């Protein structure tokens, strides 16, 4: 009777071990897939950063040519500092817009 019980427990343990091995294999495969996706995303992110820099340079060049042709209505020392200031103004604008929405929501309640 004890031997039968021990054999049943051994069978259950073997089934659990097999299940754990299958799970480990599946997890390794998932990890491998995720690592591949991560590398692809890192590469895409790097390419997008490079594209962003290239586009910024193009915009700077166009602004310099346009301002030289039209005569500046707004004066600035260089286009890159103007672009940095513009990015800061946009961040501030988005931040203020969010705060205004929050305040309007509080007022309505």
C-alpha atoms as a PDB file:
ATOM      1  CA  UNK A   1       0.000   0.000   0.000  1.00  0.00           C
ATOM      2  CA  UNK A   2       2.817   2.382   0.877  1.00  0.00           C
ATOM      3  CA  UNK A   3       4.642   1.355  -2.273  1.00  0.00           C
ATOM      4  CA  UNK A   4       1.592   2.105  -4.436  1.00  0.00           C
ATOM      5  CA  UNK A   5       1.195   5.503  -2.765  1.00  0.00           C
ATOM      6  CA  UNK A   6       4.873   6.277  -3.276  1.00  0.00           C
ATOM      7  CA  UNK A   7       4.654   5.240  -6.953  1.00  0.00           C
ATOM      8  CA  UNK A   8       1.606   7.467  -7.466  1.00  0.00           C
ATOM      9  CA  UNK A   9       3.425  10.380  -5.861  1.00  0.00           C
ATOM     10  CA  UNK A  10       6.417   9.653  -8.108  1.00  0.00           C
ATOM     11  CA  UNK A  11       4.158   9.695 -11.178  1.00  0.00           C
ATOM     12  CA  UNK A  12       2.622  13.009 -10.085  1.00  0.00           C
ATOM     13  CA  UNK A  13       6.082  14.441  -9.443  1.00  0.00           C
ATOM     14  CA  UNK A  14       7.284  13.260 -12.878  1.00  0.00           C
ATOM     15  CA  UNK A  15       4.254  14.881 -14.540  1.00  0.00           C
ATOM     16  CA  UNK A  16       4.947  18.129 -12.704  1.00  0.00           C
ATOM     17  CA  UNK A  17       8.600  17.929 -13.722  1.00  0.00           C
ATOM     18  CA  UNK A  18       7.659  17.371 -17.377  1.00  0.00           C
ATOM     19  CA  UNK A  19       5.253  20.291 -17.216  1.00  0.00           C
ATOM     20  CA  UNK A  20       7.923  22.511 -15.656  1.00  0.00           C
ATOM     21  CA  UNK A  21      10.405  21.509 -18.368  1.00  0.00           C
ATOM     22  CA  UNK A  22       7.885  22.359 -21.105  1.00  0.00           C
ATOM     23  CA  UNK A  23       7.192  25.694 -19.419  1.00  0.00           C
ATOM     24  CA  UNK A  24      10.912  26.438 -19.194  1.00  0.00           C
ATOM     25  CA  UNK A  25      11.340  25.615 -22.891  1.00  0.00           C
ATOM     26  CA  UNK A  26       8.412  27.868 -23.809  1.00  0.00           C
ATOM     27  CA  UNK A  27       9.764  30.678 -21.650  1.00  0.00           C
ATOM     28  CA  UNK A  28      13.201  30.406 -23.263  1.00  0.00           C
ATOM     29  CA  UNK A  29      11.605  30.586 -26.711  1.00  0.00           C
ATOM     30  CA  UNK A  30       9.547  33.625 -25.657  1.00  0.00           C
ATOM     31  CA  UNK A  31      12.646  35.260 -24.198  1.00  0.00           C
ATOM     32  CA  UNK A  32      14.539  34.666 -27.408  1.00  0.00           C
ATOM     33  CA  UNK A  33      11.699  36.217 -29.428  1.00  0.00           C
ATOM     34  CA  UNK A  34      11.550  39.199 -27.088  1.00  0.00           C
ATOM     35  CA  UNK A  35      15.300  39.737 -27.293  1.00  0.00           C
ATOM     36  CA  UNK A  36      15.070  39.739 -31.079  1.00  0.00           C
ATOM     37  CA  UNK A  37      12.172  42.248 -30.976  1.00  0.00           C
ATOM     38  CA  UNK A  38      14.142  44.385 -28.515  1.00  0.00           C
ATOM     39  CA  UNK A  39      17.140  44.512 -30.839  1.00  0.00           C
ATOM     40  CA  UNK A  40      14.867  45.416 -33.759  1.00  0.00           C
ATOM     41  CA  UNK A  41      13.190  48.159 -31.730  1.00  0.00           C
ATOM     42  CA  UNK A  42      16.552  49.540 -30.585  1.00  0.00           C
ATOM     43  CA  UNK A  43      17.701  49.656 -34.205  1.00  0.00           C
ATOM     44  CA  UNK A  44      14.480  51.369 -35.279  1.00  0.00           C
ATOM     45  CA  UNK A  45      14.783  53.855 -32.407  1.00  0.00           C
ATOM     46  CA  UNK A  46      18.358  54.676 -33.432  1.00  0.00           C
ATOM     47  CA  UNK A  47      17.249  55.172 -37.031  1.00  0.00           C
ATOM     48  CA  UNK A  48      14.389  57.436 -35.929  1.00  0.00           C
ATOM     49  CA  UNK A  49      16.742  59.508 -33.782  1.00  0.00           C
ATOM     50  CA  UNK A  50      19.074  59.898 -36.745  1.00  0.00           C
ATOM     51  CA  UNK A  51      16.130  60.849 -38.951  1.00  0.00           C
ATOM     52  CA  UNK A  52      15.004  63.385 -36.344  1.00  0.00           C
ATOM     53  CA  UNK A  53      18.441  65.022 -36.358  1.00  0.00           C
ATOM     54  CA  UNK A  54      18.489  65.090 -40.165  1.00  0.00           C
ATOM     55  CA  UNK A  55      15.016  66.627 -40.323  1.00  0.00           C
ATOM     56  CA  UNK A  56      15.969  69.234 -37.734  1.00  0.00           C
ATOM     57  CA  UNK A  57      18.991  70.190 -39.838  1.00  0.00           C
ATOM     58  CA  UNK A  58      16.788  70.469 -42.918  1.00  0.00           C
ATOM     59  CA  UNK A  59      14.348  72.724 -41.087  1.00  0.00           C
ATOM     60  CA  UNK A  60      17.204  74.878 -39.835  1.00  0.00           C
ATOM     61  CA  UNK A  61      18.568  75.200 -43.341  1.00  0.00           C
ATOM     62  CA  UNK A  62      15.161  76.103 -44.769  1.00  0.00           C
ATOM     63  CA  UNK A  63      14.577  78.679 -42.042  1.00  0.00           C
ATOM     64  CA  UNK A  64      17.981  80.244 -42.636  1.00  0.00           C
ATOM     65  CA  UNK A  65      17.356  80.512 -46.376  1.00  0.00           C
ATOM     66  CA  UNK A  66      13.843  81.827 -45.919  1.00  0.00           C
ATOM     67  CA  UNK A  67      14.855  84.403 -43.334  1.00  0.00           C
ATOM     68  CA  UNK A  68      17.716  85.570 -45.547  1.00  0.00           C
ATOM     69  CA  UNK A  69      15.356  85.936 -48.509  1.00  0.00           C
ATOM     70  CA  UNK A  70      12.428  87.539 -46.696  1.00  0.00           C
ATOM     71  CA  UNK A  71      14.224  89.624 -44.094  1.00  0.00           C
ATOM     72  CA  UNK A  72      13.606  88.574 -40.510  1.00  0.00           C
ATOM     73  CA  UNK A  73      10.378  89.623 -38.881  1.00  0.00           C
ATOM     74  CA  UNK A  74      11.630  87.999 -35.689  1.00  0.00           C
ATOM     75  CA  UNK A  75      15.308  88.250 -34.918  1.00  0.00           C
ATOM     76  CA  UNK A  76      17.302  85.366 -33.534  1.00  0.00           C
ATOM     77  CA  UNK A  77      20.993  84.600 -33.273  1.00  0.00           C
ATOM     78  CA  UNK A  78      20.961  81.149 -34.813  1.00  0.00           C
ATOM     79  CA  UNK A  79      18.371  78.661 -35.954  1.00  0.00           C
ATOM     80  CA  UNK A  80      19.398  75.867 -33.597  1.00  0.00           C
ATOM     81  CA  UNK A  81      18.849  78.089 -30.533  1.00  0.00           C
ATOM     82  CA  UNK A  82      15.517  79.193 -31.989  1.00  0.00           C
ATOM     83  CA  UNK A  83      14.559  75.573 -32.509  1.00  0.00           C
ATOM     84  CA  UNK A  84      15.531  74.665 -28.927  1.00  0.00           C
ATOM     85  CA  UNK A  85      13.486  77.597 -27.626  1.00  0.00           C
ATOM     86  CA  UNK A  86      10.550  76.517 -29.786  1.00  0.00           C
ATOM     87  CA  UNK A  87      10.711  72.980 -28.334  1.00  0.00           C
ATOM     88  CA  UNK A  88      10.743  74.442 -24.811  1.00  0.00           C
ATOM     89  CA  UNK A  89       7.761  76.650 -25.633  1.00  0.00           C
ATOM     90  CA  UNK A  90       5.856  73.655 -26.991  1.00  0.00           C
ATOM     91  CA  UNK A  91       6.566  71.646 -23.817  1.00  0.00           C
ATOM     92  CA  UNK A  92       5.420  74.590 -21.701  1.00  0.00           C
ATOM     93  CA  UNK A  93       2.302  74.985 -23.844  1.00  0.00           C
ATOM     94  CA  UNK A  94       1.385  71.295 -23.444  1.00  0.00           C
ATOM     95  CA  UNK A  95       2.022  71.470 -19.705  1.00  0.00           C
ATOM     96  CA  UNK A  96      -0.133  74.575 -19.312  1.00  0.00           C
ATOM     97  CA  UNK A  97      -2.907  73.072 -21.448  1.00  0.00           C
ATOM     98  CA  UNK A  98      -2.968  70.008 -19.202  1.00  0.00           C
ATOM     99  CA  UNK A  99      -3.119  72.186 -16.084  1.00  0.00           C
ATOM    100  CA  UNK A 100      -5.966  74.243 -17.570  1.00  0.00           C
ATOM    101  CA  UNK A 101      -7.913  71.047 -18.323  1.00  0.00           C
ATOM    102  CA  UNK A 102      -7.362  69.823 -14.756  1.00  0.00           C
ATOM    103  CA  UNK A 103      -8.540  73.131 -13.307  1.00  0.00           C
ATOM    104  CA  UNK A 104     -11.597  73.226 -15.571  1.00  0.00           C
ATOM    105  CA  UNK A 105     -12.469  69.677 -14.493  1.00  0.00           C
ATOM    106  CA  UNK A 106     -12.162  70.675 -10.814  1.00  0.00           C
ATOM    107  CA  UNK A 107     -14.324  73.765 -11.380  1.00  0.00           C
ATOM    108  CA  UNK A 108     -17.055  71.686 -13.051  1.00  0.00           C
ATOM    109  CA  UNK A 109     -17.189  69.263 -10.098  1.00  0.00           C
END
